Amino acid sequence: MSETALRAHDYLPRDPKSKSVTANVIPIRIVGRHYDEPTATLLLPNRTALPLRNSVAQFAVLMDRKLTQRVERYGGREAWIRRTPKDLLRDLVKEVKELQESLETGTWVDSGLEAADVANYAMMIADVLK
C-alpha cells in the first residue's frame, strides 16, 4: 500500500492558462481498485478509515474548499440548518445556472468550483432533511 496525499490543485480541472492553485492536503492511502478507478481511504480525524473512489475524494476536496469560503462569508452549518429545503433548493438552482454560465464562458477551474457549489447545496438539503 502506498501513502500519498490529495491536494485540491491535483484534482481541479486543468486550465492551460493557469499556472497555480493553492490547496489543502488530505492524507489518503490507495487501497485497491474499484472497477477501473483506484480507491482511496480517507483517514478521518478519529483515525477511522473511510473508503472512497478517488474521483469522490478529489471532488470532496473541491467541495470542502468552496464550503470553507462560504462558511467564512455566511456562517457554517448553524446557518444552513435553520433554512428550509425549499430555500436551499432555490439557491441550488441559482448555483446550477452559475455552473452553466461557467461552462459556457469560464475557465475549467471556475467550472469545477461551481460544480462543487452545486454539490454543497445538495449536501445542505440532505443535512436539513435528516
C-alpha atoms as a PDB file:
ATOM      1  CA  MET A   1       0.000   0.000   0.000  1.00  0.00           C
ATOM      2  CA  SER A   2       1.381   3.379  -0.913  1.00  0.00           C
ATOM      3  CA  GLU A   3       0.851   6.548   1.071  1.00  0.00           C
ATOM      4  CA  THR A   4       0.025   9.685  -0.882  1.00  0.00           C
ATOM      5  CA  ALA A   5      -1.854  12.930  -0.400  1.00  0.00           C
ATOM      6  CA  LEU A   6      -4.767  14.549  -2.169  1.00  0.00           C
ATOM      7  CA  ARG A   7      -4.153  18.189  -2.952  1.00  0.00           C
ATOM      8  CA  ALA A   8      -7.006  20.276  -4.336  1.00  0.00           C
ATOM      9  CA  HIS A   9      -4.852  21.545  -7.195  1.00  0.00           C
ATOM     10  CA  ASP A  10      -4.198  17.963  -8.304  1.00  0.00           C
ATOM     11  CA  TYR A  11      -7.887  17.494  -8.937  1.00  0.00           C
ATOM     12  CA  LEU A  12      -9.109  20.850 -10.128  1.00  0.00           C
ATOM     13  CA  PRO A  13      -9.968  20.776 -13.796  1.00  0.00           C
ATOM     14  CA  ARG A  14      -6.834  21.949 -15.538  1.00  0.00           C
ATOM     15  CA  ASP A  15      -6.867  25.374 -17.138  1.00  0.00           C
ATOM     16  CA  PRO A  16      -3.907  25.530 -19.511  1.00  0.00           C
ATOM     17  CA  LYS A  17      -3.572  29.289 -18.915  1.00  0.00           C
ATOM     18  CA  SER A  18      -3.467  28.949 -15.129  1.00  0.00           C
ATOM     19  CA  LYS A  19      -0.167  28.009 -13.510  1.00  0.00           C
ATOM     20  CA  SER A  20      -1.044  27.768  -9.816  1.00  0.00           C
ATOM     21  CA  VAL A  21      -3.858  26.908  -7.451  1.00  0.00           C
ATOM     22  CA  THR A  22      -3.470  26.884  -3.671  1.00  0.00           C
ATOM     23  CA  ALA A  23      -4.681  23.778  -1.876  1.00  0.00           C
ATOM     24  CA  ASN A  24      -5.221  21.927   1.356  1.00  0.00           C
ATOM     25  CA  VAL A  25      -3.737  18.463   1.815  1.00  0.00           C
ATOM     26  CA  ILE A  26      -5.770  15.439   2.924  1.00  0.00           C
ATOM     27  CA  PRO A  27      -3.909  12.232   3.821  1.00  0.00           C
ATOM     28  CA  ILE A  28      -5.149   9.152   1.943  1.00  0.00           C
ATOM     29  CA  ARG A  29      -3.984   5.619   1.312  1.00  0.00           C
ATOM     30  CA  ILE A  30      -4.503   3.878  -2.015  1.00  0.00           C
ATOM     31  CA  VAL A  31      -6.036   0.502  -1.131  1.00  0.00           C
ATOM     32  CA  GLY A  32      -7.146  -1.071  -4.376  1.00  0.00           C
ATOM     33  CA  ARG A  33      -9.255  -0.558  -7.456  1.00  0.00           C
ATOM     34  CA  HIS A  34     -12.984  -0.046  -7.868  1.00  0.00           C
ATOM     35  CA  TYR A  35     -13.861  -1.014 -11.407  1.00  0.00           C
ATOM     36  CA  ASP A  36     -11.268   0.968 -13.375  1.00  0.00           C
ATOM     37  CA  GLU A  37     -10.673   3.537 -10.674  1.00  0.00           C
ATOM     38  CA  PRO A  38      -8.250   3.400  -7.745  1.00  0.00           C
ATOM     39  CA  THR A  39      -9.921   3.524  -4.369  1.00  0.00           C
ATOM     40  CA  ALA A  40      -8.755   5.908  -1.679  1.00  0.00           C
ATOM     41  CA  THR A  41      -9.141   5.548   2.054  1.00  0.00           C
ATOM     42  CA  LEU A  42      -9.780   8.867   3.721  1.00  0.00           C
ATOM     43  CA  LEU A  43      -8.341   8.876   7.230  1.00  0.00           C
ATOM     44  CA  LEU A  44     -10.766  10.793   9.424  1.00  0.00           C
ATOM     45  CA  PRO A  45      -9.567  12.774  12.467  1.00  0.00           C
ATOM     46  CA  ASN A  46     -10.679   9.928  14.765  1.00  0.00           C
ATOM     47  CA  ARG A  47      -8.461   7.592  12.638  1.00  0.00           C
ATOM     48  CA  THR A  48     -11.477   5.854  11.082  1.00  0.00           C
ATOM     49  CA  ALA A  49     -10.729   4.745   7.526  1.00  0.00           C
ATOM     50  CA  LEU A  50     -13.424   5.709   5.028  1.00  0.00           C
ATOM     51  CA  PRO A  51     -13.056   4.014   1.629  1.00  0.00           C
ATOM     52  CA  LEU A  52     -13.862   6.304  -1.298  1.00  0.00           C
ATOM     53  CA  ARG A  53     -13.413   6.242  -5.039  1.00  0.00           C
ATOM     54  CA  ASN A  54     -10.616   8.611  -5.971  1.00  0.00           C
ATOM     55  CA  SER A  55     -12.984  10.773  -8.032  1.00  0.00           C
ATOM     56  CA  VAL A  56     -15.241  11.182  -4.980  1.00  0.00           C
ATOM     57  CA  ALA A  57     -12.298  12.026  -2.721  1.00  0.00           C
ATOM     58  CA  GLN A  58     -10.972  14.500  -5.280  1.00  0.00           C
ATOM     59  CA  PHE A  59     -14.350  16.205  -5.634  1.00  0.00           C
ATOM     60  CA  ALA A  60     -14.744  16.302  -1.848  1.00  0.00           C
ATOM     61  CA  VAL A  61     -11.566  18.407  -1.694  1.00  0.00           C
ATOM     62  CA  LEU A  62     -13.198  20.942  -4.025  1.00  0.00           C
ATOM     63  CA  MET A  63     -16.448  20.865  -2.053  1.00  0.00           C
ATOM     64  CA  ASP A  64     -14.593  21.497   1.189  1.00  0.00           C
ATOM     65  CA  ARG A  65     -12.642  24.368  -0.347  1.00  0.00           C
ATOM     66  CA  LYS A  66     -15.851  26.068  -1.511  1.00  0.00           C
ATOM     67  CA  LEU A  67     -17.672  25.288   1.736  1.00  0.00           C
ATOM     68  CA  THR A  68     -14.833  26.864   3.714  1.00  0.00           C
ATOM     69  CA  GLN A  69     -15.182  30.053   1.655  1.00  0.00           C
ATOM     70  CA  ARG A  70     -18.952  30.035   2.218  1.00  0.00           C
ATOM     71  CA  VAL A  71     -18.565  29.495   5.971  1.00  0.00           C
ATOM     72  CA  GLU A  72     -16.242  32.476   6.209  1.00  0.00           C
ATOM     73  CA  ARG A  73     -18.851  34.673   4.493  1.00  0.00           C
ATOM     74  CA  TYR A  74     -22.197  33.316   5.665  1.00  0.00           C
ATOM     75  CA  GLY A  75     -21.612  31.023   8.605  1.00  0.00           C
ATOM     76  CA  GLY A  76     -21.404  27.279   8.840  1.00  0.00           C
ATOM     77  CA  ARG A  77     -23.842  24.503   9.499  1.00  0.00           C
ATOM     78  CA  GLU A  78     -25.671  26.542  12.116  1.00  0.00           C
ATOM     79  CA  ALA A  79     -26.661  28.958   9.329  1.00  0.00           C
ATOM     80  CA  TRP A  80     -27.903  26.472   6.723  1.00  0.00           C
ATOM     81  CA  ILE A  81     -29.531  24.032   9.166  1.00  0.00           C
ATOM     82  CA  ARG A  82     -32.153  26.697  10.024  1.00  0.00           C
ATOM     83  CA  ARG A  83     -33.172  27.117   6.391  1.00  0.00           C
ATOM     84  CA  THR A  84     -35.945  25.195   4.683  1.00  0.00           C
ATOM     85  CA  PRO A  85     -35.173  22.660   1.967  1.00  0.00           C
ATOM     86  CA  LYS A  86     -37.125  24.846  -0.485  1.00  0.00           C
ATOM     87  CA  ASP A  87     -34.940  27.877   0.317  1.00  0.00           C
ATOM     88  CA  LEU A  88     -31.802  25.808  -0.167  1.00  0.00           C
ATOM     89  CA  LEU A  89     -33.201  24.351  -3.395  1.00  0.00           C
ATOM     90  CA  ARG A  90     -33.738  27.884  -4.717  1.00  0.00           C
ATOM     91  CA  ASP A  91     -30.046  28.596  -4.027  1.00  0.00           C
ATOM     92  CA  LEU A  92     -29.045  25.281  -5.615  1.00  0.00           C
ATOM     93  CA  VAL A  93     -30.907  26.241  -8.803  1.00  0.00           C
ATOM     94  CA  LYS A  94     -29.012  29.567  -8.839  1.00  0.00           C
ATOM     95  CA  GLU A  95     -25.752  27.650  -8.487  1.00  0.00           C
ATOM     96  CA  VAL A  96     -26.715  25.346 -11.380  1.00  0.00           C
ATOM     97  CA  LYS A  97     -27.262  28.448 -13.530  1.00  0.00           C
ATOM     98  CA  GLU A  98     -23.835  29.771 -12.478  1.00  0.00           C
ATOM     99  CA  LEU A  99     -22.312  26.394 -13.395  1.00  0.00           C
ATOM    100  CA  GLN A 100     -23.980  26.522 -16.799  1.00  0.00           C
ATOM    101  CA  GLU A 101     -22.651  30.052 -17.420  1.00  0.00           C
ATOM    102  CA  SER A 102     -19.191  28.994 -16.280  1.00  0.00           C
ATOM    103  CA  LEU A 103     -19.188  26.031 -18.654  1.00  0.00           C
ATOM    104  CA  GLU A 104     -20.023  28.378 -21.498  1.00  0.00           C
ATOM    105  CA  THR A 105     -17.702  31.270 -20.660  1.00  0.00           C
ATOM    106  CA  GLY A 106     -15.467  30.456 -17.694  1.00  0.00           C
ATOM    107  CA  THR A 107     -12.264  28.560 -17.151  1.00  0.00           C
ATOM    108  CA  TRP A 108     -12.031  24.885 -16.314  1.00  0.00           C
ATOM    109  CA  VAL A 109     -11.138  25.781 -12.735  1.00  0.00           C
ATOM    110  CA  ASP A 110     -14.166  28.073 -12.410  1.00  0.00           C
ATOM    111  CA  SER A 111     -16.475  25.347 -13.696  1.00  0.00           C
ATOM    112  CA  GLY A 112     -15.059  22.745 -11.306  1.00  0.00           C
ATOM    113  CA  LEU A 113     -15.557  25.057  -8.364  1.00  0.00           C
ATOM    114  CA  GLU A 114     -19.099  25.908  -9.491  1.00  0.00           C
ATOM    115  CA  ALA A 115     -19.856  22.180  -9.655  1.00  0.00           C
ATOM    116  CA  ALA A 116     -18.639  21.942  -6.047  1.00  0.00           C
ATOM    117  CA  ASP A 117     -21.026  24.767  -5.088  1.00  0.00           C
ATOM    118  CA  VAL A 118     -23.918  22.815  -6.612  1.00  0.00           C
ATOM    119  CA  ALA A 119     -22.904  19.706  -4.666  1.00  0.00           C
ATOM    120  CA  ASN A 120     -22.572  21.675  -1.429  1.00  0.00           C
ATOM    121  CA  TYR A 121     -26.132  22.973  -1.697  1.00  0.00           C
ATOM    122  CA  ALA A 122     -27.359  19.427  -2.384  1.00  0.00           C
ATOM    123  CA  MET A 123     -25.437  18.297   0.725  1.00  0.00           C
ATOM    124  CA  MET A 124     -27.050  21.095   2.774  1.00  0.00           C
ATOM    125  CA  ILE A 125     -30.507  19.978   1.657  1.00  0.00           C
ATOM    126  CA  ALA A 126     -29.721  16.388   2.665  1.00  0.00           C
ATOM    127  CA  ASP A 127     -28.397  17.635   6.014  1.00  0.00           C
ATOM    128  CA  VAL A 128     -31.591  19.604   6.716  1.00  0.00           C
ATOM    129  CA  LEU A 129     -33.785  16.633   5.748  1.00  0.00           C
ATOM    130  CA  LYS A 130     -32.138  14.073   8.041  1.00  0.00           C
END
